[in-house]
Amino acid sequence: MSTYTNLKLEILGHTAVLTLANPPANTWTAESLASLRQLVLDLNADRTIYSLVVTGEGEKFFSAGAELKLFADGDKGVARNMAELFGAAFETLSQFRGVSIAAINGYAMGGGLECALACDIRIVEEQSQMALPEAGIGLLPCAGGTQLLPRLVGEGWAKRMILCGERVDAQTALRIGLVEQVVAKGTARQHALDLAAKVDKQSPSSVAVCKTLIQSARHQPSAAGLPLERDLFVGLFDTQDQKEGVNAFLQKRSPEWKNA
C-alpha cells in the first residue's frame, strides 16, 4: 500500500487500524485528507479487509479538526480546496466497503468529530468531549456535520451543538445517540477491535450489501428501498459467500469467507 501523510496503518487479521497521527492535536491538513481518501480506496481493493478501526494517537485527542492557520488570511481558494478535500475524504470513508468503527479516545472537535460521524459506529472513552464549534469562529462544519449529525441526534441536539456551540461529554453523547458505547479511558481501541472480531464472523459480501441498503435509507423512501432490498438479496446468490454460509450452518461448522 501507499505511504499516508500523518496516518498510521496497521493490519490485524481482517481489521485495518488507522491512527490519526499529527501531534499535538491530530489536526487535518490537505495532505492528510488526500491520504485518508487514498487509504480507504486501497482498503476497499483489499478483499481480505473486513473492518476499519479509526483512533487518535496519544491520550488527549482523537482529532481537533482542521489546521485553522490555513484560514487565517481569509483566502477563498484555500477554503474551497480544503472543503472539497474534507468532503472527498469523509465521503469515501463513509462508503468504505466494510464496517468502520471510530474509537474516540479524547477530544473530537470540528473535523475530528465529522470523521467519527463518517464511520458506521462510534465507541467513546469516558473522558472524551465532542463538539462542532465552527460557528464560534466564523465558519461552519463543511465535512458532513450539518447533514450527518441531525440524523443521529435529531434536529434539536444538532442545533444545540452547531448553532449554540454546545460541547457534549461521553455520557450525554450516549444518551442522545451520538455514540453507541462509552468505555473506560484507554480502552476504546480494544473495544473497537473486539467489535471488529464480531464482523469477522459475518459474510463480508452480505455486510457490504446490507451497509449499502442501510445508508440508502437516508436518501430514499421505503417504497424504493424495499424492492431494492429484495433484489440485492437475490443478488447474493451469485456470491461464493452465500453458498459457503448456508452450507457451513447446515454442516455445523464455521464458515470460511472469501469476500467473493
Protein backbone atom coordinates (compact mmCIF):
# COMPACT_ATOMS: atom_id res chain seq x y z
CA MET A 1 0.00 0.00 0.00
CA SER A 2 0.97 3.67 -0.27
CA THR A 3 2.61 5.94 2.30
CA TYR A 4 -0.01 8.07 4.06
CA THR A 5 0.67 11.53 5.49
CA ASN A 6 0.00 11.82 9.26
CA LEU A 7 -1.81 8.47 9.25
CA LYS A 8 -0.52 5.20 10.67
CA LEU A 9 -1.93 1.95 9.32
CA GLU A 10 -1.73 -1.44 10.99
CA ILE A 11 -3.34 -4.64 9.70
CA LEU A 12 -4.56 -7.11 12.34
CA GLY A 13 -6.11 -10.11 10.64
CA HIS A 14 -9.13 -8.85 8.72
CA THR A 15 -9.09 -5.46 10.50
CA ALA A 16 -7.26 -2.31 9.44
CA VAL A 17 -6.37 0.01 12.33
CA LEU A 18 -5.92 3.64 11.29
CA THR A 19 -4.33 6.01 13.80
CA LEU A 20 -4.59 9.76 13.22
CA ALA A 21 -1.06 10.94 13.96
CA ASN A 22 -0.42 14.68 13.66
CA PRO A 23 0.61 15.84 17.14
CA PRO A 24 -0.23 17.54 19.31
CA ALA A 25 -3.95 17.52 18.37
CA ASN A 26 -4.11 15.19 15.33
CA THR A 27 -5.36 18.02 13.11
CA TRP A 28 -6.24 17.53 9.46
CA THR A 29 -4.19 19.02 6.63
CA ALA A 30 -4.67 18.96 2.87
CA GLU A 31 -2.11 16.19 2.63
CA SER A 32 -3.62 14.01 5.35
CA LEU A 33 -7.13 14.36 3.92
CA ALA A 34 -5.92 13.27 0.49
CA SER A 35 -4.09 10.40 2.19
CA LEU A 36 -7.23 9.30 4.04
CA ARG A 37 -9.17 9.07 0.80
CA GLN A 38 -6.41 7.05 -0.85
CA LEU A 39 -6.05 4.79 2.18
CA VAL A 40 -9.75 3.88 2.17
CA LEU A 41 -9.66 3.22 -1.57
CA ASP A 42 -6.66 0.94 -1.01
CA LEU A 43 -8.50 -0.92 1.74
CA ASN A 44 -11.56 -1.32 -0.48
CA ALA A 45 -9.34 -3.01 -3.06
CA ASP A 46 -8.02 -5.48 -0.46
CA ARG A 47 -10.63 -8.25 -0.22
CA THR A 48 -9.06 -9.59 3.00
CA ILE A 49 -10.03 -6.45 4.96
CA TYR A 50 -13.48 -6.61 6.55
CA SER A 51 -13.38 -3.76 9.09
CA LEU A 52 -11.64 -0.47 9.83
CA VAL A 53 -10.91 1.00 13.27
CA VAL A 54 -10.09 4.72 13.39
CA THR A 55 -8.49 6.22 16.51
CA GLY A 56 -6.19 9.06 17.55
CA GLU A 57 -2.57 8.99 18.65
CA GLY A 58 -1.91 9.94 22.27
CA GLU A 59 -4.20 10.19 25.28
CA LYS A 60 -5.79 13.62 24.82
CA PHE A 61 -7.06 13.94 21.25
CA PHE A 62 -8.95 11.85 18.75
CA SER A 63 -8.72 14.87 16.44
CA ALA A 64 -9.17 18.60 16.92
CA GLY A 65 -10.26 19.06 13.31
CA ALA A 66 -8.78 21.34 10.67
CA GLU A 67 -5.50 23.21 10.95
CA LEU A 68 -7.08 26.65 11.49
CA LYS A 69 -3.99 28.63 10.46
CA LEU A 70 -4.96 27.73 6.90
CA PHE A 71 -7.99 30.03 7.15
CA ALA A 72 -6.43 32.98 8.96
CA ASP A 73 -5.99 35.22 5.89
CA GLY A 74 -9.49 34.62 4.50
CA ASP A 75 -8.33 33.09 1.21
CA LYS A 76 -11.46 31.68 -0.50
CA GLY A 77 -9.40 29.49 -2.81
CA VAL A 78 -7.81 27.74 0.15
CA ALA A 79 -11.22 27.45 1.80
CA ARG A 80 -12.78 25.81 -1.27
CA ASN A 81 -9.86 23.43 -1.72
CA MET A 82 -9.98 22.32 1.92
CA ALA A 83 -13.78 21.93 1.85
CA GLU A 84 -13.53 19.71 -1.23
CA LEU A 85 -10.72 17.65 0.32
CA PHE A 86 -12.72 17.18 3.53
CA GLY A 87 -15.78 16.16 1.56
CA ALA A 88 -13.91 13.70 -0.66
CA ALA A 89 -12.08 12.14 2.28
CA PHE A 90 -15.01 11.66 4.63
CA GLU A 91 -17.48 10.65 1.92
CA THR A 92 -15.01 7.99 0.83
CA LEU A 93 -14.67 6.89 4.46
CA SER A 94 -18.46 6.68 4.74
CA GLN A 95 -18.50 4.45 1.64
CA PHE A 96 -15.85 2.05 2.96
CA ARG A 97 -16.95 -1.42 1.86
CA GLY A 98 -16.71 -2.98 5.33
CA VAL A 99 -17.60 -1.82 8.84
CA SER A 100 -15.87 1.33 10.11
CA ILE A 101 -15.60 1.94 13.86
CA ALA A 102 -14.44 5.21 15.41
CA ALA A 103 -12.56 4.60 18.68
CA ILE A 104 -12.79 8.10 20.14
CA ASN A 105 -10.00 8.36 22.70
CA GLY A 106 -10.19 12.05 23.56
CA TYR A 107 -11.34 15.40 22.22
CA ALA A 108 -13.19 15.10 18.89
CA MET A 109 -13.76 18.63 17.64
CA GLY A 110 -14.94 20.02 14.31
CA GLY A 111 -13.48 17.93 11.51
CA GLY A 112 -12.40 15.40 14.12
CA LEU A 113 -16.00 14.73 15.10
CA GLU A 114 -17.05 14.76 11.45
CA CYS A 115 -14.52 12.00 10.80
CA ALA A 116 -16.22 9.95 13.52
CA LEU A 117 -19.64 10.78 12.05
CA ALA A 118 -18.49 9.31 8.74
CA CYS A 119 -17.86 5.98 10.46
CA ASP A 120 -20.56 3.35 10.92
CA ILE A 121 -20.19 3.00 14.71
CA ARG A 122 -18.70 5.21 17.44
CA ILE A 123 -17.13 3.99 20.69
CA VAL A 124 -16.04 6.77 23.05
CA GLU A 125 -13.88 6.85 26.14
CA GLU A 126 -15.48 8.28 29.27
CA GLN A 127 -13.22 11.37 29.46
CA SER A 128 -13.84 12.44 25.85
CA GLN A 129 -15.66 15.55 24.73
CA MET A 130 -17.21 16.26 21.34
CA ALA A 131 -18.24 19.47 19.60
CA LEU A 132 -18.79 21.22 16.28
CA PRO A 133 -17.60 24.71 17.30
CA GLU A 134 -17.06 26.20 13.83
CA ALA A 135 -19.78 28.89 14.02
CA GLY A 136 -17.95 30.34 17.03
CA ILE A 137 -15.03 31.29 14.78
CA GLY A 138 -17.00 32.42 11.77
CA LEU A 139 -17.04 29.09 9.92
CA LEU A 140 -19.37 26.10 9.60
CA PRO A 141 -18.89 22.32 9.71
CA CYS A 142 -18.35 21.59 5.99
CA ALA A 143 -17.34 17.93 6.18
CA GLY A 144 -20.79 16.45 6.70
CA GLY A 145 -21.58 17.79 10.17
CA THR A 146 -24.77 19.65 9.29
CA GLN A 147 -26.06 16.63 7.37
CA LEU A 148 -24.97 13.63 9.43
CA LEU A 149 -25.36 14.92 12.98
CA PRO A 150 -29.14 15.58 12.78
CA ARG A 151 -29.71 12.02 11.55
CA LEU A 152 -28.05 10.64 14.67
CA VAL A 153 -29.17 13.02 17.41
CA GLY A 154 -32.22 14.79 15.98
CA GLU A 155 -32.57 18.38 14.86
CA GLY A 156 -32.77 19.84 18.36
CA TRP A 157 -29.45 18.49 19.63
CA ALA A 158 -27.80 19.16 16.28
CA LYS A 159 -28.83 22.80 16.62
CA ARG A 160 -27.56 22.93 20.20
CA MET A 161 -24.17 21.63 19.11
CA ILE A 162 -23.84 23.55 15.84
CA LEU A 163 -25.79 26.79 16.42
CA CYS A 164 -25.09 27.19 20.14
CA GLY A 165 -21.63 25.65 20.15
CA GLU A 166 -22.56 23.22 22.92
CA ARG A 167 -19.90 20.67 23.82
CA VAL A 168 -21.08 17.22 24.95
CA ASP A 169 -19.39 14.70 27.21
CA ALA A 170 -19.37 10.95 26.68
CA GLN A 171 -22.49 10.16 28.70
CA THR A 172 -24.50 12.90 27.02
CA ALA A 173 -23.29 11.66 23.64
CA LEU A 174 -24.53 8.17 24.50
CA ARG A 175 -27.90 9.46 25.74
CA ILE A 176 -28.61 11.49 22.59
CA GLY A 177 -27.44 8.77 20.19
CA LEU A 178 -24.22 10.40 19.00
CA VAL A 179 -22.23 7.32 20.08
CA GLU A 180 -23.14 3.68 20.65
CA GLN A 181 -20.88 2.83 23.61
CA VAL A 182 -18.94 4.53 26.42
CA VAL A 183 -15.85 2.75 27.73
CA ALA A 184 -13.08 3.39 30.23
CA LYS A 185 -10.16 5.67 29.42
CA GLY A 186 -7.53 3.96 27.31
CA THR A 187 -9.79 1.09 26.16
CA ALA A 188 -11.64 2.40 23.08
CA ARG A 189 -9.20 0.81 20.65
CA GLN A 190 -9.52 -2.62 22.24
CA HIS A 191 -13.31 -2.40 22.44
CA ALA A 192 -13.36 -1.44 18.76
CA LEU A 193 -11.16 -4.43 17.93
CA ASP A 194 -13.47 -6.69 19.93
CA LEU A 195 -16.40 -5.42 17.87
CA ALA A 196 -14.42 -5.88 14.66
CA ALA A 197 -13.87 -9.51 15.67
CA LYS A 198 -17.65 -9.94 15.52
CA VAL A 199 -17.60 -8.52 11.99
CA ASP A 200 -15.15 -11.28 11.03
CA LYS A 201 -17.91 -13.82 11.65
CA GLN A 202 -20.27 -12.14 9.21
CA SER A 203 -20.19 -12.68 5.46
CA PRO A 204 -18.25 -9.68 4.07
CA SER A 205 -20.33 -9.89 0.90
CA SER A 206 -23.53 -9.63 2.92
CA VAL A 207 -22.16 -6.84 5.13
CA ALA A 208 -21.26 -4.71 2.11
CA VAL A 209 -24.75 -5.04 0.63
CA CYS A 210 -26.51 -4.52 3.97
CA LYS A 211 -24.49 -1.36 4.60
CA THR A 212 -25.43 -0.03 1.18
CA LEU A 213 -29.11 -0.62 1.93
CA ILE A 214 -28.98 0.93 5.40
CA GLN A 215 -27.27 4.07 4.14
CA SER A 216 -29.53 4.35 1.11
CA ALA A 217 -32.46 4.72 3.52
CA ARG A 218 -31.11 8.19 4.32
CA HIS A 219 -31.91 9.38 0.82
CA GLN A 220 -34.91 7.44 -0.47
CA PRO A 221 -38.36 6.39 0.74
CA SER A 222 -39.03 2.82 1.77
CA ALA A 223 -41.16 2.40 -1.35
CA ALA A 224 -37.90 2.46 -3.31
CA GLY A 225 -35.72 0.75 -0.72
CA LEU A 226 -37.85 -2.33 -0.12
CA PRO A 227 -37.77 -3.61 -3.73
CA LEU A 228 -34.02 -2.92 -3.81
CA GLU A 229 -33.61 -4.93 -0.62
CA ARG A 230 -35.27 -7.92 -2.27
CA ASP A 231 -33.24 -7.56 -5.46
CA LEU A 232 -29.94 -7.41 -3.56
CA PHE A 233 -30.97 -10.44 -1.50
CA VAL A 234 -31.31 -12.44 -4.70
CA GLY A 235 -28.05 -10.94 -5.98
CA LEU A 236 -26.17 -12.51 -3.07
CA PHE A 237 -26.84 -15.90 -4.65
CA ASP A 238 -24.17 -15.02 -7.21
CA THR A 239 -21.52 -14.99 -4.45
CA GLN A 240 -19.39 -17.79 -3.08
CA ASP A 241 -20.03 -16.47 0.43
CA GLN A 242 -23.77 -17.19 0.18
CA LYS A 243 -23.20 -20.85 -0.62
CA GLU A 244 -20.46 -21.15 1.97
CA GLY A 245 -22.52 -19.52 4.72
CA VAL A 246 -25.63 -21.66 4.28
CA ASN A 247 -23.70 -24.90 3.87
CA ALA A 248 -21.42 -24.16 6.84
CA PHE A 249 -24.50 -23.63 9.01
CA LEU A 250 -26.11 -26.88 7.82
CA GLN A 251 -22.84 -28.75 8.36
CA LYS A 252 -22.42 -27.21 11.84
CA ARG A 253 -19.01 -25.68 11.12
CA SER A 254 -17.56 -22.16 10.97
CA PRO A 255 -17.75 -20.58 7.53
CA GLU A 256 -14.62 -19.68 5.58
CA TRP A 257 -15.40 -16.39 3.89
CA LYS A 258 -13.84 -15.45 0.53
CA ASN A 259 -15.39 -11.97 0.17
CA ALA A 260 -16.41 -13.08 -3.29
